[in-house]
């Protein structure tokens, strides 16, 4: 699964990252779907959106976000650089 996160640029309404809603290994910006960086219950930020990925994959993504909430939020807020994010994020769920 492709996951994309950028520091807050002031245009979003809250901490989020995006995941690619297909199983391709090639990034397609049109297939990126926002999901909240929430410590308890990350949620897809498109109303009534039905993902193309298996529900197990979405559950693992949400678990990964919850597990890595602190470093994801620090990166979103511009408090750490990408290298710190990559070093500190736990990759397995």
C-alpha atoms as a PDB file:
ATOM      1  CA  UNK A   1       0.000   0.000   0.000  1.00  0.00           C
ATOM      2  CA  UNK A   2       1.255   3.454  -0.880  1.00  0.00           C
ATOM      3  CA  UNK A   3       0.957   6.055   1.885  1.00  0.00           C
ATOM      4  CA  UNK A   4       1.766   9.743   1.439  1.00  0.00           C
ATOM      5  CA  UNK A   5       2.177  12.392   4.118  1.00  0.00           C
ATOM      6  CA  UNK A   6       3.269  15.993   3.842  1.00  0.00           C
ATOM      7  CA  UNK A   7       3.737  18.634   6.513  1.00  0.00           C
ATOM      8  CA  UNK A   8       0.750  20.914   7.054  1.00  0.00           C
ATOM      9  CA  UNK A   9       0.671  23.668   4.439  1.00  0.00           C
ATOM     10  CA  UNK A  10      -2.117  25.570   6.151  1.00  0.00           C
ATOM     11  CA  UNK A  11      -4.820  24.553   3.668  1.00  0.00           C
ATOM     12  CA  UNK A  12      -6.121  21.389   5.355  1.00  0.00           C
ATOM     13  CA  UNK A  13      -8.671  21.216   8.122  1.00  0.00           C
ATOM     14  CA  UNK A  14      -6.672  18.809  10.265  1.00  0.00           C
ATOM     15  CA  UNK A  15      -3.878  16.248  10.449  1.00  0.00           C
ATOM     16  CA  UNK A  16      -4.131  13.726   7.649  1.00  0.00           C
ATOM     17  CA  UNK A  17      -2.212  11.513   5.343  1.00  0.00           C
ATOM     18  CA  UNK A  18      -3.288   9.877   2.107  1.00  0.00           C
ATOM     19  CA  UNK A  19      -3.344   6.271   0.989  1.00  0.00           C
ATOM     20  CA  UNK A  20      -3.610   4.928  -2.518  1.00  0.00           C
ATOM     21  CA  UNK A  21      -6.906   3.140  -2.969  1.00  0.00           C
ATOM     22  CA  UNK A  22      -5.620   0.385  -5.214  1.00  0.00           C
ATOM     23  CA  UNK A  23      -2.945  -2.285  -5.116  1.00  0.00           C
ATOM     24  CA  UNK A  24      -0.639  -0.706  -7.701  1.00  0.00           C
ATOM     25  CA  UNK A  25       3.041  -0.207  -6.882  1.00  0.00           C
ATOM     26  CA  UNK A  26       3.025   3.012  -8.935  1.00  0.00           C
ATOM     27  CA  UNK A  27       1.753   6.184  -7.333  1.00  0.00           C
ATOM     28  CA  UNK A  28      -1.359   7.682  -8.878  1.00  0.00           C
ATOM     29  CA  UNK A  29      -2.280  11.053  -7.320  1.00  0.00           C
ATOM     30  CA  UNK A  30      -5.880  10.652  -8.482  1.00  0.00           C
ATOM     31  CA  UNK A  31      -6.215   7.476  -6.386  1.00  0.00           C
ATOM     32  CA  UNK A  32      -4.995   9.069  -3.125  1.00  0.00           C
ATOM     33  CA  UNK A  33      -7.631   9.196  -0.384  1.00  0.00           C
ATOM     34  CA  UNK A  34      -7.276  11.296   2.802  1.00  0.00           C
ATOM     35  CA  UNK A  35      -7.461   9.632   6.208  1.00  0.00           C
ATOM     36  CA  UNK A  36      -7.180  11.376   9.568  1.00  0.00           C
ATOM     37  CA  UNK A  37      -4.158  11.070  11.831  1.00  0.00           C
ATOM     38  CA  UNK A  38      -6.251  10.351  14.892  1.00  0.00           C
ATOM     39  CA  UNK A  39      -4.824   8.634  17.989  1.00  0.00           C
ATOM     40  CA  UNK A  40      -7.962   6.595  18.656  1.00  0.00           C
ATOM     41  CA  UNK A  41      -9.932   6.141  15.442  1.00  0.00           C
ATOM     42  CA  UNK A  42      -8.419   7.248  12.129  1.00  0.00           C
ATOM     43  CA  UNK A  43     -11.166   7.735   9.572  1.00  0.00           C
ATOM     44  CA  UNK A  44     -11.434   8.243   5.842  1.00  0.00           C
ATOM     45  CA  UNK A  45     -12.190  11.906   5.267  1.00  0.00           C
ATOM     46  CA  UNK A  46     -14.497  11.509   2.273  1.00  0.00           C
ATOM     47  CA  UNK A  47     -18.167  11.137   3.198  1.00  0.00           C
ATOM     48  CA  UNK A  48     -19.662   7.728   2.364  1.00  0.00           C
ATOM     49  CA  UNK A  49     -16.491   6.646   0.565  1.00  0.00           C
ATOM     50  CA  UNK A  50     -16.258   2.960  -0.317  1.00  0.00           C
ATOM     51  CA  UNK A  51     -12.657   1.836  -0.653  1.00  0.00           C
ATOM     52  CA  UNK A  52     -11.409  -0.547  -3.323  1.00  0.00           C
ATOM     53  CA  UNK A  53      -9.002  -2.203  -0.895  1.00  0.00           C
ATOM     54  CA  UNK A  54      -9.886  -5.163   1.322  1.00  0.00           C
ATOM     55  CA  UNK A  55     -11.235  -4.151   4.737  1.00  0.00           C
ATOM     56  CA  UNK A  56      -8.277  -5.979   6.329  1.00  0.00           C
ATOM     57  CA  UNK A  57      -5.866  -3.589   4.574  1.00  0.00           C
ATOM     58  CA  UNK A  58      -7.782  -0.545   5.802  1.00  0.00           C
ATOM     59  CA  UNK A  59      -7.808  -1.981   9.338  1.00  0.00           C
ATOM     60  CA  UNK A  60      -4.016  -2.454   9.192  1.00  0.00           C
ATOM     61  CA  UNK A  61      -3.562   1.100   7.910  1.00  0.00           C
ATOM     62  CA  UNK A  62      -5.670   2.458  10.776  1.00  0.00           C
ATOM     63  CA  UNK A  63      -3.686   0.359  13.252  1.00  0.00           C
ATOM     64  CA  UNK A  64      -0.432   1.685  11.765  1.00  0.00           C
ATOM     65  CA  UNK A  65      -1.661   5.281  12.068  1.00  0.00           C
ATOM     66  CA  UNK A  66      -2.700   4.735  15.700  1.00  0.00           C
ATOM     67  CA  UNK A  67       0.608   3.010  16.500  1.00  0.00           C
ATOM     68  CA  UNK A  68       2.628   5.827  14.891  1.00  0.00           C
ATOM     69  CA  UNK A  69       0.373   8.741  15.804  1.00  0.00           C
ATOM     70  CA  UNK A  70       2.997  10.711  17.731  1.00  0.00           C
ATOM     71  CA  UNK A  71       5.675  10.773  15.038  1.00  0.00           C
ATOM     72  CA  UNK A  72       3.122  11.247  12.226  1.00  0.00           C
ATOM     73  CA  UNK A  73       1.676  14.260  14.038  1.00  0.00           C
ATOM     74  CA  UNK A  74       5.122  15.705  14.715  1.00  0.00           C
ATOM     75  CA  UNK A  75       5.939  15.403  11.004  1.00  0.00           C
ATOM     76  CA  UNK A  76       2.570  16.940  10.049  1.00  0.00           C
ATOM     77  CA  UNK A  77       3.292  19.878  12.385  1.00  0.00           C
ATOM     78  CA  UNK A  78       6.796  20.368  10.959  1.00  0.00           C
ATOM     79  CA  UNK A  79       8.477  19.403  14.237  1.00  0.00           C
ATOM     80  CA  UNK A  80      10.588  16.595  12.746  1.00  0.00           C
ATOM     81  CA  UNK A  81      12.119  15.995   9.336  1.00  0.00           C
ATOM     82  CA  UNK A  82      11.324  13.123   6.997  1.00  0.00           C
ATOM     83  CA  UNK A  83      14.395  11.170   8.110  1.00  0.00           C
ATOM     84  CA  UNK A  84      13.140  11.160  11.718  1.00  0.00           C
ATOM     85  CA  UNK A  85       9.697  10.064  10.538  1.00  0.00           C
ATOM     86  CA  UNK A  86      11.212   7.161   8.594  1.00  0.00           C
ATOM     87  CA  UNK A  87      13.487   6.216  11.495  1.00  0.00           C
ATOM     88  CA  UNK A  88      10.817   6.325  14.197  1.00  0.00           C
ATOM     89  CA  UNK A  89       7.741   4.986  12.408  1.00  0.00           C
ATOM     90  CA  UNK A  90       7.079   1.327  13.069  1.00  0.00           C
ATOM     91  CA  UNK A  91       6.609  -0.331   9.714  1.00  0.00           C
ATOM     92  CA  UNK A  92       4.919  -3.546  10.766  1.00  0.00           C
ATOM     93  CA  UNK A  93       1.437  -3.946  12.167  1.00  0.00           C
END
